[in-house]
Amino acid sequence: MADHPFLIPPLPRGARIAVIAPAGPPRPGRLDPVEGWLRERGYAPTLLPSCFGSQQGHGPLDFLAAPDDVRLADVQAAFGNPRFDAVLALRGGSGCIRLLDGLDLDRLAAADKLLIGYSDLTVLHALRTRAGIASLHAPMPASDWGLPGSAADTEALFDRLARGWRSGDVIGHAAPHPLNHGGRARGTLIGGNLAMFCALLGTPYLPDVDGALLFIEDISEEPYRVDRMLTQLRLSGVLGRIAGLVLGSVSGAEPPDAVLADHLPTLRCPVLAGWPSGHGQPNRPLPLGVVADMDVAAGTLTLA
């Protein structure tokens, strides 16, 4: 294994991490410990202005961490400034998609540095995947770290950041699940949050779905909305073009189990359900934009 190349190199102690808030604002008290958490792990964090934008207030769009121009400038700076080694999202929420047509995509594509986050960050992961750069669907400081039950997920993130990911690594296991079917598949891991992935349909920012392994997860979506989104993926042709589907946690006030059981068995591609990533716990780090082998019987994803 030691001779296998790194697909995501380790992030060594002393690495400089740009912390950005490209989506929603942190809840009260959740911003203060972030810098200390990262320093305790040996990293050198810089919190960019979007992290503090909600403290000034900016009118009716208070679901955004900061105005569009501030959040846009922070994304550009985080990836464009060579002094930063990685980019960490403060939290998800809503707002990343508002930035896409203002981003310098060439600058982002030229910056081979790791993006860490999930949820609304799905649309930024899509840009990294389109550029052929790996990114990391993983817990974020203002929404996950330090909360009850989150320690194992946070430790898994920092452990893997220190070790990196190599070709041949088994990146996780899923327990047997009644929605599993099919055998093996290989493809580039794409996706993330189901709602945000669907929001990219019909835009120029959707990653290539042909032969991909599509990972989806979501939270707080009623069954009829999950049904609508899965139907949209089917009608758009996405579900007929992927090589395999990886299902993370999908939860809501009323669990959408019946909807999932209606849609997933009809897929012609293999399905690996119960993957330990998504909103809620466990939320283990999952590399995106890398080629992986899916083995449904073993419940594994292995980096190719």
Protein backbone atom coordinates (compact mmCIF):
# COMPACT_ATOMS: atom_id res chain seq x y z
CA MET A 1 0.00 0.00 0.00
CA ALA A 2 2.90 2.36 0.78
CA ASP A 3 3.89 2.38 -2.88
CA HIS A 4 0.45 3.49 -4.05
CA PRO A 5 0.19 7.14 -5.07
CA PHE A 6 -1.69 9.68 -3.01
CA LEU A 7 -5.02 10.72 -4.47
CA ILE A 8 -5.41 13.28 -1.68
CA PRO A 9 -2.05 14.10 -0.06
CA PRO A 10 -1.81 14.47 3.72
CA LEU A 11 -2.43 17.92 5.16
CA PRO A 12 0.62 18.27 7.41
CA ARG A 13 0.88 20.13 10.68
CA GLY A 14 1.43 23.80 10.02
CA ALA A 15 -0.72 23.75 6.87
CA ARG A 16 -2.53 27.05 6.32
CA ILE A 17 -6.29 26.67 6.15
CA ALA A 18 -8.62 29.34 4.81
CA VAL A 19 -11.97 29.18 6.63
CA ILE A 20 -14.86 30.58 4.57
CA ALA A 21 -18.61 30.96 5.02
CA PRO A 22 -19.96 30.71 1.46
CA ALA A 23 -23.46 29.73 2.57
CA GLY A 24 -25.30 30.36 5.86
CA PRO A 25 -24.14 32.18 9.00
CA PRO A 26 -22.88 30.40 12.11
CA ARG A 27 -25.29 30.07 14.99
CA PRO A 28 -24.50 32.12 18.13
CA GLY A 29 -21.40 30.86 19.89
CA ARG A 30 -20.35 28.49 17.13
CA LEU A 31 -17.74 30.76 15.51
CA ASP A 32 -15.67 31.55 18.58
CA PRO A 33 -13.97 28.14 19.09
CA VAL A 34 -13.17 27.41 15.44
CA GLU A 35 -9.73 28.99 15.30
CA GLY A 36 -8.71 27.32 18.55
CA TRP A 37 -9.89 23.90 17.37
CA LEU A 38 -7.73 24.13 14.27
CA ARG A 39 -4.68 25.41 16.14
CA GLU A 40 -5.00 22.53 18.62
CA ARG A 41 -4.70 20.18 15.65
CA GLY A 42 -1.53 21.89 14.49
CA TYR A 43 -2.98 23.92 11.64
CA ALA A 44 -2.70 27.64 10.91
CA PRO A 45 -6.22 28.95 10.28
CA THR A 46 -7.30 32.24 8.76
CA LEU A 47 -10.98 33.13 9.11
CA LEU A 48 -11.96 35.18 6.07
CA PRO A 49 -14.45 38.10 6.26
CA SER A 50 -17.51 36.06 5.28
CA CYS A 51 -17.23 34.22 8.61
CA PHE A 52 -18.02 37.49 10.40
CA GLY A 53 -20.48 38.96 7.88
CA SER A 54 -23.64 38.11 9.81
CA GLN A 55 -22.39 40.15 12.76
CA GLN A 56 -22.89 43.32 10.72
CA GLY A 57 -26.26 42.29 9.29
CA HIS A 58 -27.21 42.79 5.67
CA GLY A 59 -30.92 43.24 5.22
CA PRO A 60 -33.58 40.68 4.38
CA LEU A 61 -31.20 37.98 3.14
CA ASP A 62 -30.19 37.08 6.66
CA PHE A 63 -30.05 33.39 5.75
CA LEU A 64 -26.71 34.25 4.09
CA ALA A 65 -23.48 34.50 6.08
CA ALA A 66 -22.56 37.73 4.26
CA PRO A 67 -23.52 39.62 1.09
CA ASP A 68 -22.81 37.87 -2.19
CA ASP A 69 -19.80 40.04 -3.01
CA VAL A 70 -18.11 39.24 0.32
CA ARG A 71 -18.72 35.51 0.07
CA LEU A 72 -17.67 35.49 -3.58
CA ALA A 73 -14.45 37.37 -2.81
CA ASP A 74 -13.64 34.91 -0.02
CA VAL A 75 -14.07 31.86 -2.26
CA GLN A 76 -11.84 33.48 -4.90
CA ALA A 77 -9.23 34.45 -2.31
CA ALA A 78 -9.24 31.09 -0.55
CA PHE A 79 -8.49 29.22 -3.75
CA GLY A 80 -6.48 31.91 -5.51
CA ASN A 81 -4.10 32.95 -2.74
CA PRO A 82 -1.05 30.63 -2.81
CA ARG A 83 -0.45 31.06 0.92
CA PHE A 84 -3.48 28.85 1.68
CA ASP A 85 -3.04 25.07 1.53
CA ALA A 86 -6.68 24.02 2.03
CA VAL A 87 -10.15 25.54 2.18
CA LEU A 88 -12.60 24.70 4.98
CA ALA A 89 -16.26 25.70 4.92
CA LEU A 90 -17.60 27.02 8.20
CA ARG A 91 -21.05 25.48 7.69
CA GLY A 92 -23.68 24.81 5.04
CA GLY A 93 -27.15 26.31 4.90
CA SER A 94 -27.94 28.13 1.68
CA GLY A 95 -26.22 30.51 -0.69
CA CYS A 96 -23.37 28.77 -2.52
CA ILE A 97 -25.36 28.43 -5.72
CA ARG A 98 -25.78 32.22 -5.89
CA LEU A 99 -22.01 32.50 -6.40
CA LEU A 100 -21.46 30.11 -9.29
CA ASP A 101 -21.84 32.49 -12.22
CA GLY A 102 -19.56 35.03 -10.55
CA LEU A 103 -16.67 32.71 -9.85
CA ASP A 104 -13.47 32.70 -11.87
CA LEU A 105 -13.65 29.04 -12.86
CA ASP A 106 -10.18 29.08 -14.42
CA ARG A 107 -8.72 30.29 -11.12
CA LEU A 108 -10.55 27.58 -9.22
CA ALA A 109 -9.43 24.93 -11.69
CA ALA A 110 -5.80 26.02 -11.34
CA ALA A 111 -5.86 25.79 -7.54
CA ASP A 112 -5.12 22.21 -6.57
CA LYS A 113 -6.04 22.52 -2.90
CA LEU A 114 -8.51 20.56 -0.84
CA LEU A 115 -12.06 21.82 -0.24
CA ILE A 116 -13.64 20.44 2.95
CA GLY A 117 -17.38 20.63 3.69
CA TYR A 118 -20.78 19.22 2.78
CA SER A 119 -24.49 20.12 2.49
CA ASP A 120 -24.79 23.38 0.49
CA LEU A 121 -21.09 22.95 -0.42
CA THR A 122 -22.24 20.27 -2.87
CA VAL A 123 -22.31 22.88 -5.63
CA LEU A 124 -18.68 23.86 -4.97
CA HIS A 125 -17.68 20.19 -4.85
CA ALA A 126 -19.24 19.92 -8.31
CA LEU A 127 -16.86 22.62 -9.61
CA ARG A 128 -13.87 20.79 -8.15
CA THR A 129 -15.03 17.52 -9.72
CA ARG A 130 -15.49 19.22 -13.10
CA ALA A 131 -11.93 20.52 -12.81
CA GLY A 132 -10.60 17.02 -12.07
CA ILE A 133 -9.67 17.90 -8.48
CA ALA A 134 -10.55 15.80 -5.44
CA SER A 135 -12.53 17.36 -2.61
CA LEU A 136 -13.85 16.13 0.71
CA HIS A 137 -17.45 15.72 1.85
CA ALA A 138 -16.85 16.02 5.59
CA PRO A 139 -18.02 17.56 8.90
CA MET A 140 -17.68 21.33 9.28
CA PRO A 141 -16.73 23.28 12.43
CA ALA A 142 -19.79 25.47 12.98
CA SER A 143 -22.33 22.73 12.24
CA ASP A 144 -20.67 19.59 13.60
CA TRP A 145 -17.47 19.88 15.60
CA GLY A 146 -17.85 19.87 19.35
CA LEU A 147 -21.49 18.81 19.35
CA PRO A 148 -22.71 15.76 21.31
CA GLY A 149 -22.00 12.56 19.42
CA SER A 150 -19.79 14.23 16.81
CA ALA A 151 -16.38 13.35 18.29
CA ALA A 152 -15.90 10.16 16.26
CA ASP A 153 -16.67 11.94 12.99
CA THR A 154 -14.34 14.83 13.82
CA GLU A 155 -11.55 12.45 14.82
CA ALA A 156 -12.03 10.48 11.60
CA LEU A 157 -11.69 13.70 9.60
CA PHE A 158 -8.47 14.84 11.27
CA ASP A 159 -7.00 11.35 11.21
CA ARG A 160 -7.51 11.06 7.49
CA LEU A 161 -6.29 14.61 6.83
CA ALA A 162 -3.04 13.66 8.56
CA ARG A 163 -2.71 10.38 6.61
CA GLY A 164 -4.15 11.35 3.25
CA TRP A 165 -5.91 8.99 0.86
CA ARG A 166 -4.08 6.57 -1.41
CA SER A 167 -5.08 4.40 -4.30
CA GLY A 168 -6.17 1.09 -2.79
CA ASP A 169 -7.54 2.56 0.44
CA VAL A 170 -10.87 1.19 1.61
CA ILE A 171 -12.55 4.46 2.56
CA GLY A 172 -15.41 3.02 4.57
CA HIS A 173 -17.95 0.31 5.14
CA ALA A 174 -21.74 0.25 5.06
CA ALA A 175 -23.74 -2.27 7.05
CA PRO A 176 -26.06 -4.60 5.12
CA HIS A 177 -29.14 -2.72 3.97
CA PRO A 178 -32.46 -3.91 2.49
CA LEU A 179 -32.15 -1.46 -0.43
CA ASN A 180 -28.80 -2.88 -1.57
CA HIS A 181 -28.79 -4.62 -4.91
CA GLY A 182 -26.38 -5.44 -7.70
CA GLY A 183 -22.73 -6.31 -7.44
CA ARG A 184 -19.78 -4.12 -8.29
CA ALA A 185 -19.26 -0.82 -10.08
CA ARG A 186 -16.40 1.57 -10.73
CA GLY A 187 -16.65 5.29 -11.37
CA THR A 188 -15.81 8.78 -10.22
CA LEU A 189 -17.51 9.64 -6.92
CA ILE A 190 -19.74 12.67 -7.42
CA GLY A 191 -22.68 14.27 -5.65
CA GLY A 192 -23.46 15.14 -2.07
CA ASN A 193 -26.69 16.74 -0.93
CA LEU A 194 -29.63 15.53 -3.02
CA ALA A 195 -31.45 18.87 -3.16
CA MET A 196 -28.34 20.78 -4.17
CA PHE A 197 -27.32 18.21 -6.78
CA CYS A 198 -30.80 18.48 -8.30
CA ALA A 199 -30.45 22.27 -8.28
CA LEU A 200 -27.51 21.89 -10.67
CA LEU A 201 -29.56 20.06 -13.30
CA GLY A 202 -29.95 22.23 -16.38
CA THR A 203 -26.98 24.42 -15.43
CA PRO A 204 -23.44 24.29 -16.87
CA TYR A 205 -22.07 23.31 -13.45
CA LEU A 206 -23.32 19.72 -13.18
CA PRO A 207 -20.42 17.25 -13.04
CA ASP A 208 -20.18 14.50 -15.64
CA VAL A 209 -22.61 11.77 -14.59
CA ASP A 210 -21.76 9.22 -17.28
CA GLY A 211 -20.31 6.15 -15.59
CA ALA A 212 -20.07 7.92 -12.22
CA LEU A 213 -20.84 6.69 -8.72
CA LEU A 214 -23.48 9.12 -7.47
CA PHE A 215 -23.55 9.72 -3.72
CA ILE A 216 -26.69 11.35 -2.32
CA GLU A 217 -27.87 12.32 1.17
CA ASP A 218 -30.32 14.82 2.66
CA ILE A 219 -32.13 16.01 5.76
CA SER A 220 -35.41 17.72 6.66
CA GLU A 221 -37.02 16.84 3.36
CA GLU A 222 -40.57 15.52 3.41
CA PRO A 223 -41.17 12.25 1.50
CA TYR A 224 -43.00 14.01 -1.34
CA ARG A 225 -39.97 16.24 -1.90
CA VAL A 226 -37.56 13.29 -1.94
CA ASP A 227 -39.92 11.61 -4.41
CA ARG A 228 -39.90 14.72 -6.59
CA MET A 229 -36.11 14.95 -6.59
CA LEU A 230 -35.53 11.29 -7.36
CA THR A 231 -38.09 11.54 -10.15
CA GLN A 232 -36.26 14.61 -11.47
CA LEU A 233 -33.01 12.63 -11.53
CA ARG A 234 -34.77 9.84 -13.41
CA LEU A 235 -36.51 12.10 -15.94
CA SER A 236 -33.31 14.05 -16.59
CA GLY A 237 -31.56 10.81 -17.48
CA VAL A 238 -29.05 10.95 -14.64
CA LEU A 239 -30.13 7.70 -12.99
CA GLY A 240 -29.85 5.89 -16.30
CA ARG A 241 -26.31 7.10 -16.94
CA ILE A 242 -24.54 6.50 -13.63
CA ALA A 243 -22.58 3.31 -12.90
CA GLY A 244 -23.77 3.04 -9.31
CA LEU A 245 -25.64 4.83 -6.53
CA VAL A 246 -24.32 5.33 -3.01
CA LEU A 247 -27.03 6.31 -0.52
CA GLY A 248 -26.06 8.13 2.65
CA SER A 249 -28.44 9.26 5.38
CA VAL A 250 -31.78 10.65 4.21
CA SER A 251 -34.00 11.82 7.05
CA GLY A 252 -36.91 14.12 7.76
CA ALA A 253 -39.77 14.67 10.13
CA GLU A 254 -41.37 11.71 8.35
CA PRO A 255 -38.69 9.27 7.14
CA PRO A 256 -38.82 8.85 3.34
CA ASP A 257 -38.20 5.09 3.56
CA ALA A 258 -41.21 4.19 1.42
CA VAL A 259 -40.15 6.62 -1.31
CA LEU A 260 -36.62 5.23 -1.39
CA ALA A 261 -37.99 1.69 -1.49
CA ASP A 262 -40.16 2.68 -4.45
CA HIS A 263 -37.39 4.27 -6.51
CA LEU A 264 -34.12 2.49 -5.82
CA PRO A 265 -35.00 -1.14 -6.63
CA THR A 266 -35.93 -0.07 -10.16
CA LEU A 267 -32.44 1.22 -10.92
CA ARG A 268 -30.46 -0.90 -13.34
CA CYS A 269 -27.19 0.05 -11.68
CA PRO A 270 -25.93 -1.35 -8.33
CA VAL A 271 -27.09 0.45 -5.17
CA LEU A 272 -25.08 0.61 -1.95
CA ALA A 273 -27.30 2.05 0.78
CA GLY A 274 -26.65 3.02 4.38
CA TRP A 275 -23.34 4.75 3.67
CA PRO A 276 -22.11 6.47 6.89
CA SER A 277 -21.99 10.03 5.52
CA GLY A 278 -24.48 12.87 5.45
CA HIS A 279 -26.39 15.13 7.79
CA GLY A 280 -26.55 13.47 11.17
CA GLN A 281 -24.25 10.87 12.63
CA PRO A 282 -22.17 9.11 11.56
CA ASN A 283 -20.80 11.56 9.02
CA ARG A 284 -17.49 10.08 7.98
CA PRO A 285 -15.29 11.93 5.46
CA LEU A 286 -15.92 10.86 1.87
CA PRO A 287 -13.60 11.87 -0.98
CA LEU A 288 -15.33 13.18 -4.10
CA GLY A 289 -13.91 13.58 -7.58
CA VAL A 290 -11.86 10.38 -7.28
CA VAL A 291 -12.40 7.01 -8.94
CA ALA A 292 -13.60 4.27 -6.60
CA ASP A 293 -14.67 0.64 -6.75
CA MET A 294 -18.02 -0.12 -5.13
CA ASP A 295 -18.63 -3.62 -3.80
CA VAL A 296 -22.25 -3.98 -2.67
CA ALA A 297 -21.81 -7.40 -1.07
CA ALA A 298 -18.84 -6.22 1.00
CA GLY A 299 -20.41 -2.81 1.66
CA THR A 300 -17.20 -1.04 0.67
CA LEU A 301 -15.82 1.76 -1.43
CA THR A 302 -12.16 1.38 -2.40
CA LEU A 303 -10.12 4.10 -4.09
CA ALA A 304 -8.95 2.95 -7.51
